[in-house]
Amino acid sequence: MHQSKLPRQWAWYSMAASALLLGQPLQLSAQSGLDLPAGNQPHVIQWWQGALVLGGLSGLMLLDNSTQRLTQRHRSDAGDDLASGVRRVGQPEVYGTITLGLLGAGIISGNHELTRAGGRLVATLFVAGATSTLAKLTFGRPRPSQSHDSDGYIPFSGQEAMPSGHTTMAFALATALSDDIHRTWASVGLYTVATGVAWSRVNDNRHWLSDVAAGAVVGVTSAKLVNGHWRIFNLHPPQFLLGPGIATVAWELSF
């Protein structure tokens, strides 16, 4: 079964974005994070909240081996077919098409809100993908299909189980769209699909339980930081510039 890798995904995605924006560089200049209504200030992430998340992920690691055995013991053809379909949401043919569709619709219709939403989604996926790739290289964790040792971390070894890239991108997409749509039914549907992507990676024996949980954290956090709902220290939402041969994300840190 073919498994796409993030570097290839982003090579494809960057070329497609450049082609779409070739004639419209100014309409996306300096697109920033979401302007929050007055009185609705961003949530500043505290150190203890980060510690709680890390503690939760560490606790899930204790369940990695038992979850893997249970999932593979009850694996079925029907489940594999479902996993094959749902995991595509975490691949560029889906999230790339949705993102380029938003940008294209905004540019063609002259709808600046739609264009800004597309720009935020590009920035979100870029941040999520870059963070996931860096973490994969740093942790060097083996996939369950490669080793029964869930603790066999070898940094920069080419092992790339943690975090799950598919799950990262699925939750980044779901969070970004959910925050822009502001509809309960849309949020429920988007997060259900993203959770399905996470399940598919465990079902396919490509990731441990804690891998997909870490991917969800990276995806949600990336979207919330880019759209300005969350803030780490005084890091502001990014300024995002797209144009012919240009793709830049600029972050501002105030003191």
C-alpha atoms as a PDB file:
ATOM      1  CA  MET A   1       0.000   0.000   0.000  1.00  0.00           C
ATOM      2  CA  HIS A   2       1.419   3.398  -0.977  1.00  0.00           C
ATOM      3  CA  GLN A   3       2.095   5.768   1.901  1.00  0.00           C
ATOM      4  CA  SER A   4       2.709   9.411   0.990  1.00  0.00           C
ATOM      5  CA  LYS A   5       5.389  11.349   2.880  1.00  0.00           C
ATOM      6  CA  LEU A   6       5.178  14.947   4.036  1.00  0.00           C
ATOM      7  CA  PRO A   7       8.115  16.314   1.993  1.00  0.00           C
ATOM      8  CA  ARG A   8       6.485  15.013  -1.195  1.00  0.00           C
ATOM      9  CA  GLN A   9       3.122  16.363  -0.101  1.00  0.00           C
ATOM     10  CA  TRP A  10       4.484  19.828   0.377  1.00  0.00           C
ATOM     11  CA  ALA A  11       6.414  19.818  -2.894  1.00  0.00           C
ATOM     12  CA  TRP A  12       3.154  19.051  -4.709  1.00  0.00           C
ATOM     13  CA  TYR A  13       1.181  21.495  -2.624  1.00  0.00           C
ATOM     14  CA  SER A  14       3.623  24.399  -3.110  1.00  0.00           C
ATOM     15  CA  MET A  15       3.630  23.985  -6.895  1.00  0.00           C
ATOM     16  CA  ALA A  16      -0.168  23.937  -7.025  1.00  0.00           C
ATOM     17  CA  ALA A  17      -0.465  27.014  -4.812  1.00  0.00           C
ATOM     18  CA  SER A  18       2.088  28.909  -6.887  1.00  0.00           C
ATOM     19  CA  ALA A  19       0.220  28.099 -10.090  1.00  0.00           C
ATOM     20  CA  LEU A  20      -3.101  29.300  -8.684  1.00  0.00           C
ATOM     21  CA  LEU A  21      -1.691  32.553  -7.293  1.00  0.00           C
ATOM     22  CA  LEU A  22       0.560  33.459 -10.204  1.00  0.00           C
ATOM     23  CA  GLY A  23      -1.672  36.249 -11.435  1.00  0.00           C
ATOM     24  CA  GLN A  24      -3.068  37.366  -8.067  1.00  0.00           C
ATOM     25  CA  PRO A  25      -0.142  38.164  -5.750  1.00  0.00           C
ATOM     26  CA  LEU A  26      -1.510  41.364  -4.233  1.00  0.00           C
ATOM     27  CA  GLN A  27      -4.875  40.031  -3.121  1.00  0.00           C
ATOM     28  CA  LEU A  28      -3.226  37.835  -0.502  1.00  0.00           C
ATOM     29  CA  SER A  29      -0.547  40.227   0.693  1.00  0.00           C
ATOM     30  CA  ALA A  30      -0.151  40.480   4.445  1.00  0.00           C
ATOM     31  CA  GLN A  31      -3.061  38.220   5.319  1.00  0.00           C
ATOM     32  CA  SER A  32      -3.077  37.930   9.075  1.00  0.00           C
ATOM     33  CA  GLY A  33      -4.788  35.787  11.671  1.00  0.00           C
ATOM     34  CA  LEU A  34      -8.437  36.110  12.580  1.00  0.00           C
ATOM     35  CA  ASP A  35      -9.536  39.499  13.914  1.00  0.00           C
ATOM     36  CA  LEU A  36     -11.293  38.619  17.146  1.00  0.00           C
ATOM     37  CA  PRO A  37     -14.346  40.590  18.263  1.00  0.00           C
ATOM     38  CA  ALA A  38     -13.836  43.230  20.940  1.00  0.00           C
ATOM     39  CA  GLY A  39     -13.790  41.684  24.400  1.00  0.00           C
ATOM     40  CA  ASN A  40     -12.991  38.220  23.015  1.00  0.00           C
ATOM     41  CA  GLN A  41      -9.289  38.047  23.761  1.00  0.00           C
ATOM     42  CA  PRO A  42      -7.064  35.140  22.693  1.00  0.00           C
ATOM     43  CA  HIS A  43      -6.366  32.434  25.245  1.00  0.00           C
ATOM     44  CA  VAL A  44      -2.742  32.590  26.380  1.00  0.00           C
ATOM     45  CA  ILE A  45      -1.303  29.091  26.812  1.00  0.00           C
ATOM     46  CA  GLN A  46       0.205  28.657  30.271  1.00  0.00           C
ATOM     47  CA  TRP A  47       3.160  26.416  31.088  1.00  0.00           C
ATOM     48  CA  TRP A  48       1.058  24.138  33.261  1.00  0.00           C
ATOM     49  CA  GLN A  49      -1.399  23.540  30.411  1.00  0.00           C
ATOM     50  CA  GLY A  50       1.471  22.395  28.219  1.00  0.00           C
ATOM     51  CA  ALA A  51       2.670  20.172  31.054  1.00  0.00           C
ATOM     52  CA  LEU A  52      -0.801  18.614  31.345  1.00  0.00           C
ATOM     53  CA  VAL A  53      -0.838  17.803  27.635  1.00  0.00           C
ATOM     54  CA  LEU A  54       2.622  16.237  27.814  1.00  0.00           C
ATOM     55  CA  GLY A  55       1.536  14.263  30.864  1.00  0.00           C
ATOM     56  CA  GLY A  56      -1.549  13.018  29.037  1.00  0.00           C
ATOM     57  CA  LEU A  57       0.509  11.919  26.037  1.00  0.00           C
ATOM     58  CA  SER A  58       2.938  10.134  28.366  1.00  0.00           C
ATOM     59  CA  GLY A  59       0.009   8.325  29.970  1.00  0.00           C
ATOM     60  CA  LEU A  60      -1.298   7.229  26.568  1.00  0.00           C
ATOM     61  CA  MET A  61       2.102   5.732  25.800  1.00  0.00           C
ATOM     62  CA  LEU A  62       1.418   3.167  28.508  1.00  0.00           C
ATOM     63  CA  LEU A  63      -1.517   1.973  26.388  1.00  0.00           C
ATOM     64  CA  ASP A  64       0.330   1.887  23.059  1.00  0.00           C
ATOM     65  CA  ASN A  65       1.203  -1.811  23.003  1.00  0.00           C
ATOM     66  CA  SER A  66      -2.106  -3.073  24.357  1.00  0.00           C
ATOM     67  CA  THR A  67      -4.071  -0.851  21.949  1.00  0.00           C
ATOM     68  CA  GLN A  68      -1.987  -2.044  19.017  1.00  0.00           C
ATOM     69  CA  ARG A  69      -2.551  -5.701  19.871  1.00  0.00           C
ATOM     70  CA  LEU A  70      -6.284  -5.204  20.430  1.00  0.00           C
ATOM     71  CA  THR A  71      -6.741  -3.270  17.179  1.00  0.00           C
ATOM     72  CA  GLN A  72      -4.844  -5.772  15.061  1.00  0.00           C
ATOM     73  CA  ARG A  73      -6.625  -8.715  16.680  1.00  0.00           C
ATOM     74  CA  HIS A  74     -10.008  -7.301  15.641  1.00  0.00           C
ATOM     75  CA  ARG A  75      -8.961  -5.935  12.261  1.00  0.00           C
ATOM     76  CA  SER A  76     -11.355  -6.731   9.392  1.00  0.00           C
ATOM     77  CA  ASP A  77     -11.659  -6.227   5.639  1.00  0.00           C
ATOM     78  CA  ALA A  78     -14.577  -3.848   6.164  1.00  0.00           C
ATOM     79  CA  GLY A  79     -12.538  -1.813   8.621  1.00  0.00           C
ATOM     80  CA  ASP A  80      -9.606  -1.710   6.230  1.00  0.00           C
ATOM     81  CA  ASP A  81     -11.853  -0.434   3.435  1.00  0.00           C
ATOM     82  CA  LEU A  82     -13.240   2.290   5.695  1.00  0.00           C
ATOM     83  CA  ALA A  83      -9.741   3.248   6.840  1.00  0.00           C
ATOM     84  CA  SER A  84      -8.546   3.419   3.223  1.00  0.00           C
ATOM     85  CA  GLY A  85     -11.217   5.967   2.430  1.00  0.00           C
ATOM     86  CA  VAL A  86     -11.141   8.147   5.524  1.00  0.00           C
ATOM     87  CA  ARG A  87      -7.354   8.481   5.769  1.00  0.00           C
ATOM     88  CA  ARG A  88      -7.336  10.423   2.477  1.00  0.00           C
ATOM     89  CA  VAL A  89      -8.555  13.468   4.395  1.00  0.00           C
ATOM     90  CA  GLY A  90      -5.026  13.637   5.818  1.00  0.00           C
ATOM     91  CA  GLN A  91      -3.464  13.543   2.347  1.00  0.00           C
ATOM     92  CA  PRO A  92      -2.810  16.474  -0.057  1.00  0.00           C
ATOM     93  CA  GLU A  93      -5.396  15.450  -2.629  1.00  0.00           C
ATOM     94  CA  VAL A  94      -8.067  16.365  -0.062  1.00  0.00           C
ATOM     95  CA  TYR A  95      -6.671  19.123   2.150  1.00  0.00           C
ATOM     96  CA  GLY A  96      -4.806  20.672  -0.779  1.00  0.00           C
ATOM     97  CA  THR A  97      -7.909  20.684  -2.966  1.00  0.00           C
ATOM     98  CA  ILE A  98     -10.019  22.246  -0.214  1.00  0.00           C
ATOM     99  CA  THR A  99      -7.431  24.942   0.463  1.00  0.00           C
ATOM    100  CA  LEU A 100      -6.869  25.822  -3.185  1.00  0.00           C
ATOM    101  CA  GLY A 101     -10.629  25.782  -3.697  1.00  0.00           C
ATOM    102  CA  LEU A 102     -11.114  28.378  -0.951  1.00  0.00           C
ATOM    103  CA  LEU A 103      -8.372  30.589  -2.342  1.00  0.00           C
ATOM    104  CA  GLY A 104      -9.622  30.240  -5.892  1.00  0.00           C
ATOM    105  CA  ALA A 105     -13.230  30.975  -4.941  1.00  0.00           C
ATOM    106  CA  GLY A 106     -12.175  34.019  -2.946  1.00  0.00           C
ATOM    107  CA  ILE A 107      -9.993  35.394  -5.734  1.00  0.00           C
ATOM    108  CA  ILE A 108     -12.523  34.793  -8.507  1.00  0.00           C
ATOM    109  CA  SER A 109     -15.488  36.171  -6.551  1.00  0.00           C
ATOM    110  CA  GLY A 110     -13.564  39.036  -4.974  1.00  0.00           C
ATOM    111  CA  ASN A 111     -14.707  37.846  -1.539  1.00  0.00           C
ATOM    112  CA  HIS A 112     -11.929  39.036   0.767  1.00  0.00           C
ATOM    113  CA  GLU A 113     -13.218  37.086   3.782  1.00  0.00           C
ATOM    114  CA  LEU A 114     -13.073  33.863   1.795  1.00  0.00           C
ATOM    115  CA  THR A 115      -9.617  34.737   0.509  1.00  0.00           C
ATOM    116  CA  ARG A 116      -8.391  35.461   4.026  1.00  0.00           C
ATOM    117  CA  ALA A 117      -9.862  32.155   5.225  1.00  0.00           C
ATOM    118  CA  GLY A 118      -7.924  30.392   2.475  1.00  0.00           C
ATOM    119  CA  GLY A 119      -4.761  32.243   3.440  1.00  0.00           C
ATOM    120  CA  ARG A 120      -5.166  31.257   7.081  1.00  0.00           C
ATOM    121  CA  LEU A 121      -5.685  27.651   6.039  1.00  0.00           C
ATOM    122  CA  VAL A 122      -2.492  27.705   3.955  1.00  0.00           C
ATOM    123  CA  ALA A 123      -0.567  29.101   6.929  1.00  0.00           C
ATOM    124  CA  THR A 124      -2.137  26.551   9.279  1.00  0.00           C
ATOM    125  CA  LEU A 125      -1.222  23.589   7.084  1.00  0.00           C
ATOM    126  CA  PHE A 126       2.288  24.943   6.566  1.00  0.00           C
ATOM    127  CA  VAL A 127       2.896  25.351  10.314  1.00  0.00           C
ATOM    128  CA  ALA A 128       1.324  21.964  11.120  1.00  0.00           C
ATOM    129  CA  GLY A 129       3.251  20.148   8.382  1.00  0.00           C
ATOM    130  CA  ALA A 130       6.588  21.750   9.290  1.00  0.00           C
ATOM    131  CA  THR A 131       6.111  21.019  13.000  1.00  0.00           C
ATOM    132  CA  SER A 132       5.119  17.421  12.324  1.00  0.00           C
ATOM    133  CA  THR A 133       8.097  16.831  10.029  1.00  0.00           C
ATOM    134  CA  LEU A 134      10.555  18.318  12.531  1.00  0.00           C
ATOM    135  CA  ALA A 135       9.091  16.239  15.361  1.00  0.00           C
ATOM    136  CA  LYS A 136       9.283  13.050  13.308  1.00  0.00           C
ATOM    137  CA  LEU A 137      12.976  13.649  12.627  1.00  0.00           C
ATOM    138  CA  THR A 138      13.701  14.552  16.239  1.00  0.00           C
ATOM    139  CA  PHE A 139      11.906  11.667  17.954  1.00  0.00           C
ATOM    140  CA  GLY A 140      12.822   8.919  15.476  1.00  0.00           C
ATOM    141  CA  ARG A 141      10.147   6.571  16.767  1.00  0.00           C
ATOM    142  CA  PRO A 142       9.535   3.258  14.943  1.00  0.00           C
ATOM    143  CA  ARG A 143       6.124   2.445  13.509  1.00  0.00           C
ATOM    144  CA  PRO A 144       4.315  -0.557  15.023  1.00  0.00           C
ATOM    145  CA  SER A 145       4.676  -2.285  11.639  1.00  0.00           C
ATOM    146  CA  GLN A 146       8.458  -1.913  11.975  1.00  0.00           C
ATOM    147  CA  SER A 147       9.007  -2.836  15.617  1.00  0.00           C
ATOM    148  CA  HIS A 148       7.134  -4.177  18.622  1.00  0.00           C
ATOM    149  CA  ASP A 149       9.156  -1.804  20.808  1.00  0.00           C
ATOM    150  CA  SER A 150       7.071   1.348  21.169  1.00  0.00           C
ATOM    151  CA  ASP A 151       9.934   2.942  23.127  1.00  0.00           C
ATOM    152  CA  GLY A 152      12.576   2.378  20.466  1.00  0.00           C
ATOM    153  CA  TYR A 153      13.327   6.052  19.870  1.00  0.00           C
ATOM    154  CA  ILE A 154      16.422   6.766  17.765  1.00  0.00           C
ATOM    155  CA  PRO A 155      16.569  10.488  16.906  1.00  0.00           C
ATOM    156  CA  PHE A 156      17.306  11.339  13.252  1.00  0.00           C
ATOM    157  CA  SER A 157      17.228   7.660  12.300  1.00  0.00           C
ATOM    158  CA  GLY A 158      14.566   8.007   9.607  1.00  0.00           C
ATOM    159  CA  GLN A 159      11.937   6.347  11.794  1.00  0.00           C
ATOM    160  CA  GLU A 160       8.907   8.624  11.658  1.00  0.00           C
ATOM    161  CA  ALA A 161       5.994   7.387  13.711  1.00  0.00           C
ATOM    162  CA  MET A 162       5.552  10.351  16.094  1.00  0.00           C
ATOM    163  CA  PRO A 163       3.499  12.351  15.483  1.00  0.00           C
ATOM    164  CA  SER A 164       1.117  11.019  12.838  1.00  0.00           C
ATOM    165  CA  GLY A 165       1.333  13.321   9.823  1.00  0.00           C
ATOM    166  CA  HIS A 166      -2.077  12.306   8.468  1.00  0.00           C
ATOM    167  CA  THR A 167      -3.701  13.027  11.829  1.00  0.00           C
ATOM    168  CA  THR A 168      -1.865  16.342  12.174  1.00  0.00           C
ATOM    169  CA  MET A 169      -3.124  17.601   8.824  1.00  0.00           C
ATOM    170  CA  ALA A 170      -6.663  16.285   9.359  1.00  0.00           C
ATOM    171  CA  PHE A 171      -7.039  18.054  12.711  1.00  0.00           C
ATOM    172  CA  ALA A 172      -5.388  21.229  11.402  1.00  0.00           C
ATOM    173  CA  LEU A 173      -7.899  21.279   8.535  1.00  0.00           C
ATOM    174  CA  ALA A 174     -10.855  20.474  10.801  1.00  0.00           C
ATOM    175  CA  THR A 175      -9.953  23.145  13.362  1.00  0.00           C
ATOM    176  CA  ALA A 176      -9.286  25.870  10.810  1.00  0.00           C
ATOM    177  CA  LEU A 177     -12.548  25.244   8.964  1.00  0.00           C
ATOM    178  CA  SER A 178     -14.552  24.830  12.165  1.00  0.00           C
ATOM    179  CA  ASP A 179     -13.334  28.152  13.565  1.00  0.00           C
ATOM    180  CA  ASP A 180     -14.235  29.942  10.327  1.00  0.00           C
ATOM    181  CA  ILE A 181     -17.631  28.304   9.777  1.00  0.00           C
ATOM    182  CA  HIS A 182     -18.885  28.776  13.373  1.00  0.00           C
ATOM    183  CA  ARG A 183     -21.570  26.104  13.117  1.00  0.00           C
ATOM    184  CA  THR A 184     -21.968  23.281  15.626  1.00  0.00           C
ATOM    185  CA  TRP A 185     -23.000  20.747  12.988  1.00  0.00           C
ATOM    186  CA  ALA A 186     -19.922  21.596  10.910  1.00  0.00           C
ATOM    187  CA  SER A 187     -17.597  21.300  13.912  1.00  0.00           C
ATOM    188  CA  VAL A 188     -19.035  17.924  14.904  1.00  0.00           C
ATOM    189  CA  GLY A 189     -18.714  16.610  11.358  1.00  0.00           C
ATOM    190  CA  LEU A 190     -15.194  17.954  10.811  1.00  0.00           C
ATOM    191  CA  TYR A 191     -13.797  16.625  14.088  1.00  0.00           C
ATOM    192  CA  THR A 192     -15.534  13.280  13.583  1.00  0.00           C
ATOM    193  CA  VAL A 193     -13.813  12.875  10.228  1.00  0.00           C
ATOM    194  CA  ALA A 194     -10.461  13.943  11.700  1.00  0.00           C
ATOM    195  CA  THR A 195     -10.882  11.377  14.487  1.00  0.00           C
ATOM    196  CA  GLY A 196     -11.633   8.802  11.801  1.00  0.00           C
ATOM    197  CA  VAL A 197      -8.299   9.620  10.171  1.00  0.00           C
ATOM    198  CA  ALA A 198      -6.549   9.051  13.502  1.00  0.00           C
ATOM    199  CA  TRP A 199      -8.323   5.710  13.933  1.00  0.00           C
ATOM    200  CA  SER A 200      -7.355   4.655  10.404  1.00  0.00           C
ATOM    201  CA  ARG A 201      -3.656   5.095  11.158  1.00  0.00           C
ATOM    202  CA  VAL A 202      -3.911   2.861  14.219  1.00  0.00           C
ATOM    203  CA  ASN A 203      -6.041   0.347  12.305  1.00  0.00           C
ATOM    204  CA  ASP A 204      -3.493   0.211   9.485  1.00  0.00           C
ATOM    205  CA  ASN A 205      -0.736  -0.499  12.027  1.00  0.00           C
ATOM    206  CA  ARG A 206       1.122   2.612  10.903  1.00  0.00           C
ATOM    207  CA  HIS A 207       0.986   4.471  14.209  1.00  0.00           C
ATOM    208  CA  TRP A 208       0.738   3.963  17.954  1.00  0.00           C
ATOM    209  CA  LEU A 209      -2.145   5.473  19.915  1.00  0.00           C
ATOM    210  CA  SER A 210       0.064   8.233  21.334  1.00  0.00           C
ATOM    211  CA  ASP A 211       1.287   9.097  17.816  1.00  0.00           C
ATOM    212  CA  VAL A 212      -2.193  10.038  16.634  1.00  0.00           C
ATOM    213  CA  ALA A 213      -2.930  11.877  19.893  1.00  0.00           C
ATOM    214  CA  ALA A 214       0.246  13.922  19.405  1.00  0.00           C
ATOM    215  CA  GLY A 215      -0.780  14.607  15.792  1.00  0.00           C
ATOM    216  CA  ALA A 216      -4.164  15.896  16.959  1.00  0.00           C
ATOM    217  CA  VAL A 217      -2.477  18.228  19.464  1.00  0.00           C
ATOM    218  CA  VAL A 218      -0.117  19.614  16.806  1.00  0.00           C
ATOM    219  CA  GLY A 219      -2.926  20.084  14.285  1.00  0.00           C
ATOM    220  CA  VAL A 220      -5.351  21.826  16.653  1.00  0.00           C
ATOM    221  CA  THR A 221      -2.631  24.018  18.174  1.00  0.00           C
ATOM    222  CA  SER A 222      -1.326  25.089  14.749  1.00  0.00           C
ATOM    223  CA  ALA A 223      -4.787  26.225  13.650  1.00  0.00           C
ATOM    224  CA  LYS A 224      -5.565  28.020  16.915  1.00  0.00           C
ATOM    225  CA  LEU A 225      -2.241  29.899  16.857  1.00  0.00           C
ATOM    226  CA  VAL A 226      -2.599  30.946  13.231  1.00  0.00           C
ATOM    227  CA  ASN A 227      -6.184  32.194  13.586  1.00  0.00           C
ATOM    228  CA  GLY A 228      -5.368  34.056  16.789  1.00  0.00           C
ATOM    229  CA  HIS A 229      -7.606  32.116  19.179  1.00  0.00           C
ATOM    230  CA  TRP A 230      -4.616  30.867  21.173  1.00  0.00           C
ATOM    231  CA  ARG A 231      -1.336  32.556  21.931  1.00  0.00           C
ATOM    232  CA  ILE A 232       1.953  31.258  23.321  1.00  0.00           C
ATOM    233  CA  PHE A 233       3.688  33.983  25.345  1.00  0.00           C
ATOM    234  CA  ASN A 234       3.363  37.142  23.179  1.00  0.00           C
ATOM    235  CA  LEU A 235       3.606  35.427  19.794  1.00  0.00           C
ATOM    236  CA  HIS A 236       1.008  37.066  17.563  1.00  0.00           C
ATOM    237  CA  PRO A 237      -0.844  35.442  14.646  1.00  0.00           C
ATOM    238  CA  PRO A 238       1.336  35.301  11.526  1.00  0.00           C
ATOM    239  CA  GLN A 239       1.417  37.691   8.617  1.00  0.00           C
ATOM    240  CA  PHE A 240       1.119  35.593   5.479  1.00  0.00           C
ATOM    241  CA  LEU A 241       2.341  36.661   2.008  1.00  0.00           C
ATOM    242  CA  LEU A 242       1.817  34.699  -1.186  1.00  0.00           C
ATOM    243  CA  GLY A 243       2.844  35.691  -4.691  1.00  0.00           C
ATOM    244  CA  PRO A 244       4.888  34.559  -7.720  1.00  0.00           C
ATOM    245  CA  GLY A 245       7.842  32.702  -6.268  1.00  0.00           C
ATOM    246  CA  ILE A 246       7.005  33.902  -2.743  1.00  0.00           C
ATOM    247  CA  ALA A 247       5.567  32.040   0.222  1.00  0.00           C
ATOM    248  CA  THR A 248       6.363  33.709   3.527  1.00  0.00           C
ATOM    249  CA  VAL A 249       5.046  33.366   7.062  1.00  0.00           C
ATOM    250  CA  ALA A 250       6.202  36.161   9.407  1.00  0.00           C
ATOM    251  CA  TRP A 251       5.679  35.924  13.164  1.00  0.00           C
ATOM    252  CA  GLU A 252       5.715  38.861  15.569  1.00  0.00           C
ATOM    253  CA  LEU A 253       6.876  38.537  19.190  1.00  0.00           C
ATOM    254  CA  SER A 254       6.107  41.539  21.389  1.00  0.00           C
ATOM    255  CA  PHE A 255       7.757  42.355  24.717  1.00  0.00           C
END
